[in-house]
mmCIF file of all heavy atoms, coordinates in Angstrom:
data_MODEL
# 
_entry.id   MODEL 
# 
loop_
_atom_site.group_PDB 
_atom_site.id 
_atom_site.type_symbol 
_atom_site.label_atom_id 
_atom_site.label_alt_id 
_atom_site.label_comp_id 
_atom_site.label_asym_id 
_atom_site.label_entity_id 
_atom_site.label_seq_id 
_atom_site.pdbx_PDB_ins_code 
_atom_site.Cartn_x 
_atom_site.Cartn_y 
_atom_site.Cartn_z 
_atom_site.occupancy 
_atom_site.B_iso_or_equiv 
_atom_site.pdbx_formal_charge 
_atom_site.auth_seq_id 
_atom_site.auth_comp_id 
_atom_site.auth_asym_id 
_atom_site.auth_atom_id 
_atom_site.pdbx_PDB_model_num 
ATOM 1   N N   . ILE A 1 1  ? 76.490 14.760 -42.052 1.00 0.00 ? 1  ILE A N   1 
ATOM 2   C CA  . ILE A 1 1  ? 77.336 14.391 -40.880 1.00 0.00 ? 1  ILE A CA  1 
ATOM 3   C C   . ILE A 1 1  ? 76.930 13.034 -40.329 1.00 0.00 ? 1  ILE A C   1 
ATOM 4   O O   . ILE A 1 1  ? 77.761 12.160 -40.098 1.00 0.00 ? 1  ILE A O   1 
ATOM 5   C CB  . ILE A 1 1  ? 77.222 15.499 -39.799 1.00 0.00 ? 1  ILE A CB  1 
ATOM 6   C CG1 . ILE A 1 1  ? 77.944 16.772 -40.266 1.00 0.00 ? 1  ILE A CG1 1 
ATOM 7   C CG2 . ILE A 1 1  ? 77.799 15.016 -38.456 1.00 0.00 ? 1  ILE A CG2 1 
ATOM 8   C CD1 . ILE A 1 1  ? 77.696 17.959 -39.375 1.00 0.00 ? 1  ILE A CD1 1 
ATOM 9   N N   . VAL A 1 2  ? 75.632 12.874 -40.069 1.00 0.00 ? 2  VAL A N   1 
ATOM 10  C CA  . VAL A 1 2  ? 75.129 11.633 -39.435 1.00 0.00 ? 2  VAL A CA  1 
ATOM 11  C C   . VAL A 1 2  ? 75.382 10.443 -40.347 1.00 0.00 ? 2  VAL A C   1 
ATOM 12  O O   . VAL A 1 2  ? 75.738 9.356  -39.879 1.00 0.00 ? 2  VAL A O   1 
ATOM 13  C CB  . VAL A 1 2  ? 73.622 11.760 -39.072 1.00 0.00 ? 2  VAL A CB  1 
ATOM 14  C CG1 . VAL A 1 2  ? 73.129 10.467 -38.442 1.00 0.00 ? 2  VAL A CG1 1 
ATOM 15  C CG2 . VAL A 1 2  ? 73.411 12.915 -38.124 1.00 0.00 ? 2  VAL A CG2 1 
ATOM 16  N N   . ARG A 1 3  ? 75.229 10.647 -41.641 1.00 0.00 ? 3  ARG A N   1 
ATOM 17  C CA  . ARG A 1 3  ? 75.403 9.557  -42.609 1.00 0.00 ? 3  ARG A CA  1 
ATOM 18  C C   . ARG A 1 3  ? 76.857 9.022  -42.565 1.00 0.00 ? 3  ARG A C   1 
ATOM 19  O O   . ARG A 1 3  ? 77.108 7.851  -42.772 1.00 0.00 ? 3  ARG A O   1 
ATOM 20  C CB  . ARG A 1 3  ? 75.077 10.049 -43.998 1.00 0.00 ? 3  ARG A CB  1 
ATOM 21  C CG  . ARG A 1 3  ? 74.926 9.007  -45.060 1.00 0.00 ? 3  ARG A CG  1 
ATOM 22  C CD  . ARG A 1 3  ? 74.420 9.585  -46.363 1.00 0.00 ? 3  ARG A CD  1 
ATOM 23  N NE  . ARG A 1 3  ? 75.334 10.593 -46.930 1.00 0.00 ? 3  ARG A NE  1 
ATOM 24  C CZ  . ARG A 1 3  ? 76.425 10.318 -47.613 1.00 0.00 ? 3  ARG A CZ  1 
ATOM 25  N NH1 . ARG A 1 3  ? 76.783 9.051  -47.807 1.00 0.00 ? 3  ARG A NH1 1 
ATOM 26  N NH2 . ARG A 1 3  ? 77.195 11.272 -48.102 1.00 0.00 ? 3  ARG A NH2 1 
ATOM 27  N N   . LYS A 1 4  ? 77.811 9.936  -42.325 1.00 0.00 ? 4  LYS A N   1 
ATOM 28  C CA  . LYS A 1 4  ? 79.219 9.563  -42.344 1.00 0.00 ? 4  LYS A CA  1 
ATOM 29  C C   . LYS A 1 4  ? 79.747 9.047  -40.993 1.00 0.00 ? 4  LYS A C   1 
ATOM 30  O O   . LYS A 1 4  ? 80.893 8.638  -40.901 1.00 0.00 ? 4  LYS A O   1 
ATOM 31  C CB  . LYS A 1 4  ? 80.063 10.767 -42.820 1.00 0.00 ? 4  LYS A CB  1 
ATOM 32  C CG  . LYS A 1 4  ? 79.796 11.095 -44.292 1.00 0.00 ? 4  LYS A CG  1 
ATOM 33  C CD  . LYS A 1 4  ? 80.404 12.398 -44.726 1.00 0.00 ? 4  LYS A CD  1 
ATOM 34  C CE  . LYS A 1 4  ? 80.063 12.726 -46.149 1.00 0.00 ? 4  LYS A CE  1 
ATOM 35  N NZ  . LYS A 1 4  ? 80.530 14.039 -46.584 1.00 0.00 ? 4  LYS A NZ  1 
ATOM 36  N N   . LEU A 1 5  ? 78.898 9.116  -39.988 1.00 0.00 ? 5  LEU A N   1 
ATOM 37  C CA  . LEU A 1 5  ? 79.317 8.585  -38.649 1.00 0.00 ? 5  LEU A CA  1 
ATOM 38  C C   . LEU A 1 5  ? 79.306 7.055  -38.695 1.00 0.00 ? 5  LEU A C   1 
ATOM 39  O O   . LEU A 1 5  ? 78.541 6.465  -39.474 1.00 0.00 ? 5  LEU A O   1 
ATOM 40  C CB  . LEU A 1 5  ? 78.394 9.101  -37.551 1.00 0.00 ? 5  LEU A CB  1 
ATOM 41  C CG  . LEU A 1 5  ? 78.481 10.582 -37.245 1.00 0.00 ? 5  LEU A CG  1 
ATOM 42  C CD1 . LEU A 1 5  ? 77.418 10.988 -36.229 1.00 0.00 ? 5  LEU A CD1 1 
ATOM 43  C CD2 . LEU A 1 5  ? 79.845 10.993 -36.718 1.00 0.00 ? 5  LEU A CD2 1 
ATOM 44  N N   . PRO A 1 6  ? 80.108 6.398  -37.877 1.00 0.00 ? 6  PRO A N   1 
ATOM 45  C CA  . PRO A 1 6  ? 80.162 4.929  -37.900 1.00 0.00 ? 6  PRO A CA  1 
ATOM 46  C C   . PRO A 1 6  ? 78.861 4.308  -37.393 1.00 0.00 ? 6  PRO A C   1 
ATOM 47  O O   . PRO A 1 6  ? 78.135 4.887  -36.566 1.00 0.00 ? 6  PRO A O   1 
ATOM 48  C CB  . PRO A 1 6  ? 81.329 4.578  -36.986 1.00 0.00 ? 6  PRO A CB  1 
ATOM 49  C CG  . PRO A 1 6  ? 81.577 5.804  -36.158 1.00 0.00 ? 6  PRO A CG  1 
ATOM 50  C CD  . PRO A 1 6  ? 81.149 6.974  -36.956 1.00 0.00 ? 6  PRO A CD  1 
ATOM 51  N N   . ASP A 1 7  ? 78.547 3.120  -37.925 1.00 0.00 ? 7  ASP A N   1 
ATOM 52  C CA  . ASP A 1 7  ? 77.357 2.354  -37.496 1.00 0.00 ? 7  ASP A CA  1 
ATOM 53  C C   . ASP A 1 7  ? 77.379 2.141  -36.006 1.00 0.00 ? 7  ASP A C   1 
ATOM 54  O O   . ASP A 1 7  ? 78.424 1.865  -35.414 1.00 0.00 ? 7  ASP A O   1 
ATOM 55  C CB  . ASP A 1 7  ? 77.306 0.994  -38.193 1.00 0.00 ? 7  ASP A CB  1 
ATOM 56  C CG  . ASP A 1 7  ? 76.650 1.066  -39.551 1.00 0.00 ? 7  ASP A CG  1 
ATOM 57  O OD1 . ASP A 1 7  ? 76.045 2.136  -39.808 1.00 0.00 ? 7  ASP A OD1 1 
ATOM 58  O OD2 . ASP A 1 7  ? 76.753 0.124  -40.341 1.00 0.00 ? 7  ASP A OD2 1 
ATOM 59  N N   . GLY A 1 8  ? 76.211 2.202  -35.367 1.00 0.00 ? 8  GLY A N   1 
ATOM 60  C CA  . GLY A 1 8  ? 76.150 1.885  -33.950 1.00 0.00 ? 8  GLY A CA  1 
ATOM 61  C C   . GLY A 1 8  ? 76.603 2.985  -33.032 1.00 0.00 ? 8  GLY A C   1 
ATOM 62  O O   . GLY A 1 8  ? 76.606 2.808  -31.806 1.00 0.00 ? 8  GLY A O   1 
ATOM 63  N N   . ALA A 1 9  ? 77.038 4.110  -33.578 1.00 0.00 ? 9  ALA A N   1 
ATOM 64  C CA  . ALA A 1 9  ? 77.530 5.199  -32.705 1.00 0.00 ? 9  ALA A CA  1 
ATOM 65  C C   . ALA A 1 9  ? 76.407 5.818  -31.903 1.00 0.00 ? 9  ALA A C   1 
ATOM 66  O O   . ALA A 1 9  ? 75.265 5.868  -32.325 1.00 0.00 ? 9  ALA A O   1 
ATOM 67  C CB  . ALA A 1 9  ? 78.192 6.259  -33.591 1.00 0.00 ? 9  ALA A CB  1 
ATOM 68  N N   . LEU A 1 10 ? 76.753 6.286  -30.734 1.00 0.00 ? 10 LEU A N   1 
ATOM 69  C CA  . LEU A 1 10 ? 75.798 7.043  -29.900 1.00 0.00 ? 10 LEU A CA  1 
ATOM 70  C C   . LEU A 1 10 ? 76.126 8.535  -30.162 1.00 0.00 ? 10 LEU A C   1 
ATOM 71  O O   . LEU A 1 10 ? 77.266 8.944  -29.971 1.00 0.00 ? 10 LEU A O   1 
ATOM 72  C CB  . LEU A 1 10 ? 75.951 6.716  -28.417 1.00 0.00 ? 10 LEU A CB  1 
ATOM 73  C CG  . LEU A 1 10 ? 74.878 7.344  -27.510 1.00 0.00 ? 10 LEU A CG  1 
ATOM 74  C CD1 . LEU A 1 10 ? 73.517 6.741  -27.763 1.00 0.00 ? 10 LEU A CD1 1 
ATOM 75  C CD2 . LEU A 1 10 ? 75.244 7.156  -26.036 1.00 0.00 ? 10 LEU A CD2 1 
ATOM 76  N N   . VAL A 1 11 ? 75.140 9.274  -30.618 1.00 0.00 ? 11 VAL A N   1 
ATOM 77  C CA  . VAL A 1 11 ? 75.379 10.659 -31.016 1.00 0.00 ? 11 VAL A CA  1 
ATOM 78  C C   . VAL A 1 11 ? 74.800 11.598 -29.944 1.00 0.00 ? 11 VAL A C   1 
ATOM 79  O O   . VAL A 1 11 ? 73.675 11.429 -29.529 1.00 0.00 ? 11 VAL A O   1 
ATOM 80  C CB  . VAL A 1 11 ? 74.725 10.965 -32.394 1.00 0.00 ? 11 VAL A CB  1 
ATOM 81  C CG1 . VAL A 1 11 ? 75.118 12.343 -32.883 1.00 0.00 ? 11 VAL A CG1 1 
ATOM 82  C CG2 . VAL A 1 11 ? 75.107 9.895  -33.398 1.00 0.00 ? 11 VAL A CG2 1 
ATOM 83  N N   . SER A 1 12 ? 75.618 12.538 -29.556 1.00 0.00 ? 12 SER A N   1 
ATOM 84  C CA  . SER A 1 12 ? 75.181 13.516 -28.548 1.00 0.00 ? 12 SER A CA  1 
ATOM 85  C C   . SER A 1 12 ? 75.018 14.878 -29.201 1.00 0.00 ? 12 SER A C   1 
ATOM 86  O O   . SER A 1 12 ? 75.920 15.354 -29.886 1.00 0.00 ? 12 SER A O   1 
ATOM 87  C CB  . SER A 1 12 ? 76.215 13.585 -27.414 1.00 0.00 ? 12 SER A CB  1 
ATOM 88  O OG  . SER A 1 12 ? 75.878 14.603 -26.518 1.00 0.00 ? 12 SER A OG  1 
ATOM 89  N N   . LEU A 1 13 ? 73.849 15.512 -29.033 1.00 0.00 ? 13 LEU A N   1 
ATOM 90  C CA  . LEU A 1 13 ? 73.623 16.842 -29.611 1.00 0.00 ? 13 LEU A CA  1 
ATOM 91  C C   . LEU A 1 13 ? 73.352 17.843 -28.474 1.00 0.00 ? 13 LEU A C   1 
ATOM 92  O O   . LEU A 1 13 ? 72.495 17.599 -27.613 1.00 0.00 ? 13 LEU A O   1 
ATOM 93  C CB  . LEU A 1 13 ? 72.413 16.828 -30.567 1.00 0.00 ? 13 LEU A CB  1 
ATOM 94  C CG  . LEU A 1 13 ? 72.635 16.134 -31.910 1.00 0.00 ? 13 LEU A CG  1 
ATOM 95  C CD1 . LEU A 1 13 ? 72.364 14.635 -31.801 1.00 0.00 ? 13 LEU A CD1 1 
ATOM 96  C CD2 . LEU A 1 13 ? 71.755 16.705 -33.003 1.00 0.00 ? 13 LEU A CD2 1 
ATOM 97  N N   . THR A 1 14 ? 74.129 18.903 -28.499 1.00 0.00 ? 14 THR A N   1 
ATOM 98  C CA  . THR A 1 14 ? 73.987 19.935 -27.455 1.00 0.00 ? 14 THR A CA  1 
ATOM 99  C C   . THR A 1 14 ? 73.844 21.292 -28.103 1.00 0.00 ? 14 THR A C   1 
ATOM 100 O O   . THR A 1 14 ? 74.657 21.676 -28.970 1.00 0.00 ? 14 THR A O   1 
ATOM 101 C CB  . THR A 1 14 ? 75.250 19.928 -26.537 1.00 0.00 ? 14 THR A CB  1 
ATOM 102 O OG1 . THR A 1 14 ? 75.525 18.586 -26.124 1.00 0.00 ? 14 THR A OG1 1 
ATOM 103 C CG2 . THR A 1 14 ? 75.055 20.817 -25.313 1.00 0.00 ? 14 THR A CG2 1 
ATOM 104 N N   . GLU A 1 15 ? 72.838 22.020 -27.653 1.00 0.00 ? 15 GLU A N   1 
ATOM 105 C CA  . GLU A 1 15 ? 72.627 23.349 -28.207 1.00 0.00 ? 15 GLU A CA  1 
ATOM 106 C C   . GLU A 1 15 ? 72.942 24.395 -27.108 1.00 0.00 ? 15 GLU A C   1 
ATOM 107 O O   . GLU A 1 15 ? 72.413 24.284 -25.984 1.00 0.00 ? 15 GLU A O   1 
ATOM 108 C CB  . GLU A 1 15 ? 71.204 23.560 -28.724 1.00 0.00 ? 15 GLU A CB  1 
ATOM 109 C CG  . GLU A 1 15 ? 71.000 24.838 -29.495 1.00 0.00 ? 15 GLU A CG  1 
ATOM 110 C CD  . GLU A 1 15 ? 70.030 25.787 -28.815 1.00 0.00 ? 15 GLU A CD  1 
ATOM 111 O OE1 . GLU A 1 15 ? 69.340 25.392 -27.860 1.00 0.00 ? 15 GLU A OE1 1 
ATOM 112 O OE2 . GLU A 1 15 ? 69.996 26.975 -29.244 1.00 0.00 ? 15 GLU A OE2 1 
ATOM 113 N N   . ASP A 1 16 ? 73.784 25.321 -27.467 1.00 0.00 ? 16 ASP A N   1 
ATOM 114 C CA  . ASP A 1 16 ? 74.120 26.400 -26.507 1.00 0.00 ? 16 ASP A CA  1 
ATOM 115 C C   . ASP A 1 16 ? 73.445 27.675 -27.008 1.00 0.00 ? 16 ASP A C   1 
ATOM 116 O O   . ASP A 1 16 ? 73.852 28.254 -28.029 1.00 0.00 ? 16 ASP A O   1 
ATOM 117 C CB  . ASP A 1 16 ? 75.653 26.583 -26.498 1.00 0.00 ? 16 ASP A CB  1 
ATOM 118 C CG  . ASP A 1 16 ? 76.086 27.704 -25.547 1.00 0.00 ? 16 ASP A CG  1 
ATOM 119 O OD1 . ASP A 1 16 ? 75.186 28.210 -24.836 1.00 0.00 ? 16 ASP A OD1 1 
ATOM 120 O OD2 . ASP A 1 16 ? 77.259 28.055 -25.557 1.00 0.00 ? 16 ASP A OD2 1 
ATOM 121 N N   . GLY A 1 17 ? 72.403 28.082 -26.292 1.00 0.00 ? 17 GLY A N   1 
ATOM 122 C CA  . GLY A 1 17 ? 71.614 29.243 -26.702 1.00 0.00 ? 17 GLY A CA  1 
ATOM 123 C C   . GLY A 1 17 ? 72.452 30.507 -26.854 1.00 0.00 ? 17 GLY A C   1 
ATOM 124 O O   . GLY A 1 17 ? 72.205 31.294 -27.766 1.00 0.00 ? 17 GLY A O   1 
ATOM 125 N N   . ALA A 1 18 ? 73.453 30.679 -26.000 1.00 0.00 ? 18 ALA A N   1 
ATOM 126 C CA  . ALA A 1 18 ? 74.219 31.915 -26.026 1.00 0.00 ? 18 ALA A CA  1 
ATOM 127 C C   . ALA A 1 18 ? 75.066 32.055 -27.283 1.00 0.00 ? 18 ALA A C   1 
ATOM 128 O O   . ALA A 1 18 ? 75.140 33.132 -27.880 1.00 0.00 ? 18 ALA A O   1 
ATOM 129 C CB  . ALA A 1 18 ? 75.181 31.948 -24.774 1.00 0.00 ? 18 ALA A CB  1 
ATOM 130 N N   . SER A 1 19 ? 75.684 30.939 -27.714 1.00 0.00 ? 19 SER A N   1 
ATOM 131 C CA  . SER A 1 19 ? 76.551 31.035 -28.898 1.00 0.00 ? 19 SER A CA  1 
ATOM 132 C C   . SER A 1 19 ? 75.812 30.787 -30.203 1.00 0.00 ? 19 SER A C   1 
ATOM 133 O O   . SER A 1 19 ? 76.352 31.063 -31.295 1.00 0.00 ? 19 SER A O   1 
ATOM 134 C CB  . SER A 1 19 ? 77.683 30.011 -28.768 1.00 0.00 ? 19 SER A CB  1 
ATOM 135 O OG  . SER A 1 19 ? 77.139 28.689 -28.825 1.00 0.00 ? 19 SER A OG  1 
ATOM 136 N N   . GLY A 1 20 ? 74.567 30.266 -30.142 1.00 0.00 ? 20 GLY A N   1 
ATOM 137 C CA  . GLY A 1 20 ? 73.825 30.003 -31.349 1.00 0.00 ? 20 GLY A CA  1 
ATOM 138 C C   . GLY A 1 20 ? 74.438 28.871 -32.165 1.00 0.00 ? 20 GLY A C   1 
ATOM 139 O O   . GLY A 1 20 ? 74.403 28.900 -33.382 1.00 0.00 ? 20 GLY A O   1 
ATOM 140 N N   . ARG A 1 21 ? 75.014 27.894 -31.453 1.00 0.00 ? 21 ARG A N   1 
ATOM 141 C CA  . ARG A 1 21 ? 75.627 26.741 -32.169 1.00 0.00 ? 21 ARG A CA  1 
ATOM 142 C C   . ARG A 1 21 ? 75.042 25.446 -31.647 1.00 0.00 ? 21 ARG A C   1 
ATOM 143 O O   . ARG A 1 21 ? 74.641 25.336 -30.506 1.00 0.00 ? 21 ARG A O   1 
ATOM 144 C CB  . ARG A 1 21 ? 77.151 26.685 -31.936 1.00 0.00 ? 21 ARG A CB  1 
ATOM 145 C CG  . ARG A 1 21 ? 77.923 27.950 -32.268 1.00 0.00 ? 21 ARG A CG  1 
ATOM 146 C CD  . ARG A 1 21 ? 77.855 28.319 -33.708 1.00 0.00 ? 21 ARG A CD  1 
ATOM 147 N NE  . ARG A 1 21 ? 79.027 27.922 -34.509 1.00 0.00 ? 21 ARG A NE  1 
ATOM 148 C CZ  . ARG A 1 21 ? 79.162 28.289 -35.764 1.00 0.00 ? 21 ARG A CZ  1 
ATOM 149 N NH1 . ARG A 1 21 ? 78.254 29.015 -36.368 1.00 0.00 ? 21 ARG A NH1 1 
ATOM 150 N NH2 . ARG A 1 21 ? 80.240 27.947 -36.446 1.00 0.00 ? 21 ARG A NH2 1 
ATOM 151 N N   . LEU A 1 22 ? 75.022 24.438 -32.539 1.00 0.00 ? 22 LEU A N   1 
ATOM 152 C CA  . LEU A 1 22 ? 74.627 23.079 -32.139 1.00 0.00 ? 22 LEU A CA  1 
ATOM 153 C C   . LEU A 1 22 ? 75.880 22.201 -32.250 1.00 0.00 ? 22 LEU A C   1 
ATOM 154 O O   . LEU A 1 22 ? 76.484 22.133 -33.322 1.00 0.00 ? 22 LEU A O   1 
ATOM 155 C CB  . LEU A 1 22 ? 73.524 22.525 -33.043 1.00 0.00 ? 22 LEU A CB  1 
ATOM 156 C CG  . LEU A 1 22 ? 73.073 21.092 -32.752 1.00 0.00 ? 22 LEU A CG  1 
ATOM 157 C CD1 . LEU A 1 22 ? 72.273 21.013 -31.457 1.00 0.00 ? 22 LEU A CD1 1 
ATOM 158 C CD2 . LEU A 1 22 ? 72.256 20.520 -33.904 1.00 0.00 ? 22 LEU A CD2 1 
ATOM 159 N N   . THR A 1 23 ? 76.250 21.567 -31.143 1.00 0.00 ? 23 THR A N   1 
ATOM 160 C CA  . THR A 1 23 ? 77.414 20.699 -31.148 1.00 0.00 ? 23 THR A CA  1 
ATOM 161 C C   . THR A 1 23 ? 76.971 19.252 -31.293 1.00 0.00 ? 23 THR A C   1 
ATOM 162 O O   . THR A 1 23 ? 76.051 18.789 -30.619 1.00 0.00 ? 23 THR A O   1 
ATOM 163 C CB  . THR A 1 23 ? 78.217 20.846 -29.818 1.00 0.00 ? 23 THR A CB  1 
ATOM 164 O OG1 . THR A 1 23 ? 78.504 22.246 -29.638 1.00 0.00 ? 23 THR A OG1 1 
ATOM 165 C CG2 . THR A 1 23 ? 79.516 20.065 -29.866 1.00 0.00 ? 23 THR A CG2 1 
ATOM 166 N N   . ILE A 1 24 ? 77.613 18.549 -32.207 1.00 0.00 ? 24 ILE A N   1 
ATOM 167 C CA  . ILE A 1 24 ? 77.326 17.113 -32.449 1.00 0.00 ? 24 ILE A CA  1 
ATOM 168 C C   . ILE A 1 24 ? 78.569 16.328 -32.127 1.00 0.00 ? 24 ILE A C   1 
ATOM 169 O O   . ILE A 1 24 ? 79.623 16.563 -32.730 1.00 0.00 ? 24 ILE A O   1 
ATOM 170 C CB  . ILE A 1 24 ? 76.881 16.894 -33.925 1.00 0.00 ? 24 ILE A CB  1 
ATOM 171 C CG1 . ILE A 1 24 ? 75.684 17.789 -34.253 1.00 0.00 ? 24 ILE A CG1 1 
ATOM 172 C CG2 . ILE A 1 24 ? 76.581 15.441 -34.206 1.00 0.00 ? 24 ILE A CG2 1 
ATOM 173 C CD1 . ILE A 1 24 ? 75.618 18.227 -35.691 1.00 0.00 ? 24 ILE A CD1 1 
ATOM 174 N N   . GLU A 1 25 ? 78.453 15.381 -31.221 1.00 0.00 ? 25 GLU A N   1 
ATOM 175 C CA  . GLU A 1 25 ? 79.609 14.568 -30.820 1.00 0.00 ? 25 GLU A CA  1 
ATOM 176 C C   . GLU A 1 25 ? 79.282 13.107 -30.955 1.00 0.00 ? 25 GLU A C   1 
ATOM 177 O O   . GLU A 1 25 ? 78.191 12.650 -30.598 1.00 0.00 ? 25 GLU A O   1 
ATOM 178 C CB  . GLU A 1 25 ? 79.988 14.849 -29.347 1.00 0.00 ? 25 GLU A CB  1 
ATOM 179 C CG  . GLU A 1 25 ? 80.499 16.292 -29.122 1.00 0.00 ? 25 GLU A CG  1 
ATOM 180 C CD  . GLU A 1 25 ? 80.611 16.568 -27.615 1.00 0.00 ? 25 GLU A CD  1 
ATOM 181 O OE1 . GLU A 1 25 ? 79.584 16.733 -26.972 1.00 0.00 ? 25 GLU A OE1 1 
ATOM 182 O OE2 . GLU A 1 25 ? 81.757 16.613 -27.161 1.00 0.00 ? 25 GLU A OE2 1 
ATOM 183 N N   . ALA A 1 26 ? 80.246 12.364 -31.497 1.00 0.00 ? 26 ALA A N   1 
ATOM 184 C CA  . ALA A 1 26 ? 80.113 10.889 -31.611 1.00 0.00 ? 26 ALA A CA  1 
ATOM 185 C C   . ALA A 1 26 ? 81.527 10.327 -31.578 1.00 0.00 ? 26 ALA A C   1 
ATOM 186 O O   . ALA A 1 26 ? 82.321 10.609 -32.468 1.00 0.00 ? 26 ALA A O   1 
ATOM 187 C CB  . ALA A 1 26 ? 79.396 10.521 -32.893 1.00 0.00 ? 26 ALA A CB  1 
ATOM 188 N N   . GLY A 1 27 ? 81.825 9.566  -30.534 1.00 0.00 ? 27 GLY A N   1 
ATOM 189 C CA  . GLY A 1 27 ? 83.193 9.022  -30.419 1.00 0.00 ? 27 GLY A CA  1 
ATOM 190 C C   . GLY A 1 27 ? 84.173 10.168 -30.364 1.00 0.00 ? 27 GLY A C   1 
ATOM 191 O O   . GLY A 1 27 ? 84.065 11.102 -29.564 1.00 0.00 ? 27 GLY A O   1 
ATOM 192 N N   . ARG A 1 28 ? 85.135 10.168 -31.304 1.00 0.00 ? 28 ARG A N   1 
ATOM 193 C CA  . ARG A 1 28 ? 86.164 11.240 -31.315 1.00 0.00 ? 28 ARG A CA  1 
ATOM 194 C C   . ARG A 1 28 ? 85.810 12.363 -32.298 1.00 0.00 ? 28 ARG A C   1 
ATOM 195 O O   . ARG A 1 28 ? 86.576 13.288 -32.467 1.00 0.00 ? 28 ARG A O   1 
ATOM 196 C CB  . ARG A 1 28 ? 87.511 10.643 -31.703 1.00 0.00 ? 28 ARG A CB  1 
ATOM 197 C CG  . ARG A 1 28 ? 88.004 9.637  -30.671 1.00 0.00 ? 28 ARG A CG  1 
ATOM 198 C CD  . ARG A 1 28 ? 89.354 9.085  -31.080 1.00 0.00 ? 28 ARG A CD  1 
ATOM 199 N NE  . ARG A 1 28 ? 89.839 8.098  -30.129 1.00 0.00 ? 28 ARG A NE  1 
ATOM 200 C CZ  . ARG A 1 28 ? 91.000 7.478  -30.230 1.00 0.00 ? 28 ARG A CZ  1 
ATOM 201 N NH1 . ARG A 1 28 ? 91.773 7.723  -31.301 1.00 0.00 ? 28 ARG A NH1 1 
ATOM 202 N NH2 . ARG A 1 28 ? 91.402 6.596  -29.357 1.00 0.00 ? 28 ARG A NH2 1 
ATOM 203 N N   . SER A 1 29 ? 84.632 12.240 -32.930 1.00 0.00 ? 29 SER A N   1 
ATOM 204 C CA  . SER A 1 29 ? 84.218 13.269 -33.887 1.00 0.00 ? 29 SER A CA  1 
ATOM 205 C C   . SER A 1 29 ? 83.468 14.398 -33.160 1.00 0.00 ? 29 SER A C   1 
ATOM 206 O O   . SER A 1 29 ? 82.692 14.125 -32.232 1.00 0.00 ? 29 SER A O   1 
ATOM 207 C CB  . SER A 1 29 ? 83.305 12.701 -34.952 1.00 0.00 ? 29 SER A CB  1 
ATOM 208 O OG  . SER A 1 29 ? 83.956 11.610 -35.598 1.00 0.00 ? 29 SER A OG  1 
# 
């Protein structure tokens, strides 16, 4: 995922303990 994101992007990672998921956001992805 990170390799395919555009250069210079700011990546936000959020983990929600209740759902057991890690959300990765960068721009519109």
